[in-house]
Amino acid sequence: MNHKFFLLACFFPLLTLAQTEDSIRISRLLKIDTVGTTRAERLSFFSKKFIDTPYQAGTLEGKKTEELVICSGAVDCTTFVEQALALALADSTYTSFKEKLQQIRYKDGDIKGYASRLHYISMWIEENSSKQILKEITSLFPHKIRTQSLQFMSRNAHLYPALKDSPEMKKAIREAETAYQNYHYPYIPKEWLQRPEIETLLPEGSIVAFVSNKSDLDTVHIGFIIYKNGKPHLLHASQRHKKVLIDPLSLYEYTSRRKDVIGIRIITLR
């Protein structure tokens, strides 16, 4: 018996089932009447619909060919945010959701291999700002300016299955990084997050990106701002808690405990 063929035959029905479950889940969400609400309200609404969804690391990695991955049944921090955004932007159809997700996730909205995905959050912010989808508002608050050259992926290719055995793909990633040499961006230092002019004014439902302490990496996590008892908290896909939740720690407490984080960036829908 051809065991390889048998394993593939078993795998593809499971893959099809997972895709079907995702399409059903997303389609049901899109049918919920949110007419009359703003895009920001839609984003807040749909992001909360993911609460208790299991956390799964690397949901976009390990594929032989780059394709649009939809994983509503288990998410990491990035796929959680991207799918909530796509739901907020889509009309009532699953096709529209897929189109919006692809537009958000890829450079120019086109899937042209692994390097076309917006791997760095800085790239993701810049691209989606140019597409008139997002707007960074970090500079509206007391902030500092950071200058970095993004090189973490090319310097650590062994951490990425698509790069470690592919000199061509590593070269493509390095070329994408060249546009972000000596890249300047604003960030709010984490020790400032208790200031009244910051703590009470961060917009509900806005996207928060956590700035890395590494010299060649911009961010290490992403989620949404949610207020609880008058203080901003983080709605995110948590590796620690193994699910999407509103973190029990305030945003200030959360960032204070993360030694790999020096501050935050704030992004909203246009």
Protein backbone atom coordinates (compact mmCIF):
# COMPACT_ATOMS: atom_id res chain seq x y z
CA MET A 1 0.00 0.00 0.00
CA ASN A 2 1.22 3.51 -0.81
CA HIS A 3 1.32 4.98 2.71
CA LYS A 4 2.15 8.45 1.40
CA PHE A 5 -0.98 8.44 -0.75
CA PHE A 6 -3.02 7.12 2.19
CA LEU A 7 -1.83 9.92 4.46
CA LEU A 8 -2.59 12.55 1.83
CA ALA A 9 -6.04 11.04 1.26
CA CYS A 10 -6.72 11.31 4.99
CA PHE A 11 -5.28 14.82 5.25
CA PHE A 12 -7.20 16.55 2.48
CA PRO A 13 -10.71 15.71 3.79
CA LEU A 14 -9.63 17.10 7.17
CA LEU A 15 -8.28 20.23 5.48
CA THR A 16 -11.50 20.66 3.51
CA LEU A 17 -13.54 20.19 6.69
CA ALA A 18 -11.48 22.87 8.48
CA GLN A 19 -11.95 25.26 5.56
CA THR A 20 -15.69 24.56 5.56
CA GLU A 21 -15.96 25.19 9.30
CA ASP A 22 -14.10 28.49 8.89
CA SER A 23 -16.37 29.62 6.06
CA ILE A 24 -19.48 28.70 8.06
CA ARG A 25 -18.22 30.48 11.17
CA ILE A 26 -17.25 33.64 9.28
CA SER A 27 -20.46 33.66 7.22
CA ARG A 28 -22.57 33.43 10.39
CA LEU A 29 -20.74 36.39 11.89
CA LEU A 30 -21.23 38.45 8.74
CA LYS A 31 -24.96 37.83 8.86
CA ILE A 32 -25.25 39.60 12.23
CA ASP A 33 -26.98 42.94 11.66
CA THR A 34 -24.51 45.76 12.32
CA VAL A 35 -26.18 48.27 9.97
CA GLY A 36 -25.92 51.81 11.26
CA THR A 37 -22.76 51.21 13.25
CA THR A 38 -19.42 52.78 12.35
CA ARG A 39 -16.47 50.74 11.13
CA ALA A 40 -14.78 51.29 14.50
CA GLU A 41 -17.87 49.94 16.28
CA ARG A 42 -17.97 46.97 13.91
CA LEU A 43 -14.32 46.24 14.66
CA SER A 44 -14.93 46.35 18.42
CA PHE A 45 -17.97 44.10 17.99
CA PHE A 46 -16.24 41.47 15.86
CA SER A 47 -13.02 41.43 17.89
CA LYS A 48 -15.04 40.49 20.99
CA LYS A 49 -16.67 37.62 19.06
CA PHE A 50 -13.27 35.88 19.14
CA ILE A 51 -13.14 35.78 22.96
CA ASP A 52 -12.35 32.22 24.16
CA THR A 53 -11.07 31.19 20.71
CA PRO A 54 -8.04 28.91 21.32
CA TYR A 55 -4.55 30.31 20.85
CA GLN A 56 -2.34 28.60 18.29
CA ALA A 57 1.15 29.87 17.46
CA GLY A 58 2.38 30.27 13.90
CA THR A 59 -0.97 29.83 12.17
CA LEU A 60 0.43 31.17 8.89
CA GLU A 61 3.74 29.31 8.92
CA GLY A 62 4.80 25.91 7.58
CA LYS A 63 2.94 26.02 4.25
CA LYS A 64 4.83 24.85 1.13
CA THR A 65 3.22 27.56 -0.97
CA GLU A 66 1.91 30.92 0.16
CA GLU A 67 -1.88 31.04 0.16
CA LEU A 68 -4.64 32.92 1.95
CA VAL A 69 -5.02 31.15 5.30
CA ILE A 70 -8.25 31.59 7.25
CA CYS A 71 -8.11 30.19 10.76
CA SER A 72 -11.06 31.48 12.77
CA GLY A 73 -11.13 28.39 15.01
CA ALA A 74 -7.62 28.95 16.43
CA VAL A 75 -5.59 32.14 16.15
CA ASP A 76 -2.31 33.80 17.02
CA CYS A 77 -2.10 37.50 17.85
CA THR A 78 -1.73 38.62 14.22
CA THR A 79 -4.38 36.40 12.63
CA PHE A 80 -6.82 37.42 15.37
CA VAL A 81 -6.37 41.13 14.60
CA GLU A 82 -6.36 40.66 10.83
CA GLN A 83 -9.53 38.56 10.78
CA ALA A 84 -11.38 40.97 13.08
CA LEU A 85 -10.35 43.80 10.75
CA ALA A 86 -11.51 41.89 7.66
CA LEU A 87 -14.89 41.21 9.29
CA ALA A 88 -15.30 44.91 10.12
CA LEU A 89 -14.48 45.94 6.54
CA ALA A 90 -16.35 43.22 4.64
CA ASP A 91 -19.92 43.32 3.39
CA SER A 92 -22.21 40.38 4.19
CA THR A 93 -20.38 37.82 2.02
CA TYR A 94 -17.57 35.37 2.72
CA THR A 95 -15.99 36.34 -0.60
CA SER A 96 -15.77 39.97 0.55
CA PHE A 97 -14.18 38.84 3.84
CA LYS A 98 -11.48 36.93 1.94
CA GLU A 99 -10.80 39.89 -0.33
CA LYS A 100 -10.41 42.24 2.64
CA LEU A 101 -8.19 39.79 4.51
CA GLN A 102 -5.89 39.42 1.50
CA GLN A 103 -5.74 43.19 1.08
CA ILE A 104 -4.78 43.63 4.74
CA ARG A 105 -2.20 40.83 4.89
CA TYR A 106 -0.22 41.27 1.66
CA LYS A 107 1.81 43.97 -0.05
CA ASP A 108 -0.41 45.65 -2.65
CA GLY A 109 -3.07 43.07 -1.74
CA ASP A 110 -1.38 40.49 -3.99
CA ILE A 111 -0.15 37.03 -2.98
CA LYS A 112 3.23 36.69 -4.68
CA GLY A 113 4.99 34.21 -2.44
CA TYR A 114 6.11 34.24 1.18
CA ALA A 115 7.92 37.58 0.93
CA SER A 116 4.76 39.38 -0.23
CA ARG A 117 3.19 38.89 3.20
CA LEU A 118 3.57 41.89 5.52
CA HIS A 119 5.63 40.09 8.15
CA TYR A 120 6.74 43.14 10.15
CA ILE A 121 4.03 45.15 11.87
CA SER A 122 5.73 48.36 10.72
CA MET A 123 5.32 47.20 7.11
CA TRP A 124 1.73 46.23 7.91
CA ILE A 125 0.98 49.68 9.36
CA GLU A 126 2.61 51.57 6.49
CA GLU A 127 0.98 49.47 3.76
CA ASN A 128 -2.50 49.59 5.27
CA SER A 129 -2.18 53.30 5.91
CA SER A 130 -1.35 53.85 2.23
CA LYS A 131 -4.41 51.73 1.34
CA GLN A 132 -6.54 54.10 3.45
CA ILE A 133 -7.50 51.25 5.81
CA LEU A 134 -5.55 52.22 8.93
CA LYS A 135 -4.16 55.36 10.54
CA GLU A 136 -1.42 55.48 13.15
CA ILE A 137 -2.23 57.99 15.89
CA THR A 138 0.71 57.35 18.24
CA SER A 139 2.14 60.80 17.60
CA LEU A 140 -1.05 62.42 18.96
CA PHE A 141 0.11 61.36 22.44
CA PRO A 142 3.33 62.15 24.32
CA HIS A 143 5.86 59.96 22.55
CA LYS A 144 9.44 59.29 21.54
CA ILE A 145 10.88 58.54 18.09
CA ARG A 146 12.72 55.29 17.46
CA THR A 147 15.06 54.59 14.56
CA GLN A 148 15.63 50.99 13.51
CA SER A 149 16.79 48.86 10.62
CA LEU A 150 14.46 45.87 10.42
CA GLN A 151 16.58 42.77 9.85
CA PHE A 152 15.38 40.20 12.38
CA MET A 153 13.97 37.73 9.85
CA SER A 154 16.97 37.67 7.53
CA ARG A 155 19.35 37.47 10.50
CA ASN A 156 17.33 34.63 12.08
CA ALA A 157 16.26 32.66 9.02
CA HIS A 158 16.60 29.39 10.97
CA LEU A 159 13.49 30.36 12.96
CA TYR A 160 11.28 30.43 9.85
CA PRO A 161 10.55 27.18 7.96
CA ALA A 162 10.14 29.06 4.66
CA LEU A 163 13.57 30.68 4.99
CA LYS A 164 15.95 28.21 6.59
CA ASP A 165 16.32 25.98 3.51
CA SER A 166 15.70 28.60 0.83
CA PRO A 167 18.44 31.11 -0.04
CA GLU A 168 16.11 32.61 -2.66
CA MET A 169 13.35 33.28 -0.14
CA LYS A 170 15.82 34.67 2.38
CA LYS A 171 17.08 37.05 -0.33
CA ALA A 172 13.51 38.16 -1.06
CA ILE A 173 12.91 38.89 2.62
CA ARG A 174 16.17 40.82 2.83
CA GLU A 175 15.09 42.91 -0.17
CA ALA A 176 11.75 43.67 1.54
CA GLU A 177 13.66 44.76 4.65
CA THR A 178 15.78 47.27 2.68
CA ALA A 179 12.87 49.73 2.59
CA TYR A 180 12.98 49.79 6.40
CA GLN A 181 16.61 50.68 7.00
CA ASN A 182 16.92 53.61 9.41
CA TYR A 183 13.16 53.55 9.72
CA HIS A 184 11.68 56.18 12.07
CA TYR A 185 8.45 55.69 13.99
CA PRO A 186 6.77 57.07 17.13
CA TYR A 187 6.12 55.03 20.23
CA ILE A 188 4.75 55.67 23.72
CA PRO A 189 7.23 54.46 26.37
CA LYS A 190 5.58 51.91 28.64
CA GLU A 191 6.48 53.83 31.81
CA TRP A 192 4.29 56.72 30.54
CA LEU A 193 1.11 54.64 30.24
CA GLN A 194 -0.21 55.76 33.63
CA ARG A 195 -0.17 59.42 32.64
CA PRO A 196 -3.77 60.76 32.56
CA GLU A 197 -3.24 62.33 29.13
CA ILE A 198 -2.46 58.86 27.81
CA GLU A 199 -4.20 56.29 30.01
CA THR A 200 -7.70 57.75 29.75
CA LEU A 201 -7.55 58.84 26.11
CA LEU A 202 -6.45 55.73 24.22
CA PRO A 203 -9.40 55.00 21.88
CA GLU A 204 -11.58 52.00 22.74
CA GLY A 205 -11.14 49.31 20.11
CA SER A 206 -7.94 50.75 18.67
CA ILE A 207 -5.08 48.43 17.69
CA VAL A 208 -2.09 48.38 20.02
CA ALA A 209 1.31 47.10 18.84
CA PHE A 210 3.99 46.33 21.44
CA VAL A 211 7.42 47.69 20.55
CA SER A 212 10.31 45.24 20.90
CA ASN A 213 13.49 45.90 22.85
CA LYS A 214 15.51 44.20 20.08
CA SER A 215 17.54 46.45 17.80
CA ASP A 216 16.39 44.76 14.57
CA LEU A 217 12.75 43.87 15.40
CA ASP A 218 9.94 46.41 15.63
CA THR A 219 7.14 44.68 17.55
CA VAL A 220 6.50 41.48 19.48
CA HIS A 221 2.73 41.44 19.98
CA ILE A 222 -0.53 43.05 18.85
CA GLY A 223 -4.11 43.31 20.10
CA PHE A 224 -6.94 45.75 20.84
CA ILE A 225 -7.57 48.38 23.56
CA ILE A 226 -10.60 47.58 25.74
CA TYR A 227 -11.60 49.62 28.81
CA LYS A 228 -12.41 47.82 32.04
CA ASN A 229 -13.23 49.70 35.27
CA GLY A 230 -12.03 52.90 33.63
CA LYS A 231 -8.59 51.58 32.66
CA PRO A 232 -7.32 50.33 29.29
CA HIS A 233 -6.81 46.58 29.04
CA LEU A 234 -5.66 44.35 26.22
CA LEU A 235 -8.01 42.16 24.16
CA HIS A 236 -5.61 39.69 22.55
CA ALA A 237 -4.75 36.16 21.57
CA SER A 238 -2.69 35.26 24.61
CA GLN A 239 0.02 32.63 24.47
CA ARG A 240 0.07 32.53 28.28
CA HIS A 241 -3.68 32.04 28.70
CA LYS A 242 -3.98 29.86 25.55
CA LYS A 243 -6.98 31.78 24.20
CA VAL A 244 -8.37 35.14 23.17
CA LEU A 245 -9.38 37.15 26.22
CA ILE A 246 -9.51 40.58 27.83
CA ASP A 247 -6.32 40.43 29.87
CA PRO A 248 -6.90 40.69 33.63
CA LEU A 249 -3.92 43.05 33.87
CA SER A 250 -4.29 46.69 32.88
CA LEU A 251 -2.32 47.80 29.84
CA TYR A 252 0.23 49.48 32.11
CA GLU A 253 0.59 46.35 34.29
CA TYR A 254 0.85 44.10 31.24
CA THR A 255 3.61 46.12 29.58
CA SER A 256 5.45 46.62 32.89
CA ARG A 257 5.80 42.85 33.27
CA ARG A 258 7.13 42.30 29.75
CA LYS A 259 10.88 42.84 29.67
CA ASP A 260 10.90 42.44 25.88
CA VAL A 261 8.61 45.48 25.43
CA ILE A 262 9.71 49.14 25.62
CA GLY A 263 6.42 50.77 24.63
CA ILE A 264 3.39 50.78 22.34
CA ARG A 265 2.07 52.12 19.03
CA ILE A 266 -1.63 52.96 18.53
CA ILE A 267 -3.45 52.41 15.24
CA THR A 268 -7.10 52.99 14.31
CA LEU A 269 -9.36 52.33 11.34
CA ARG A 270 -9.73 55.28 9.01
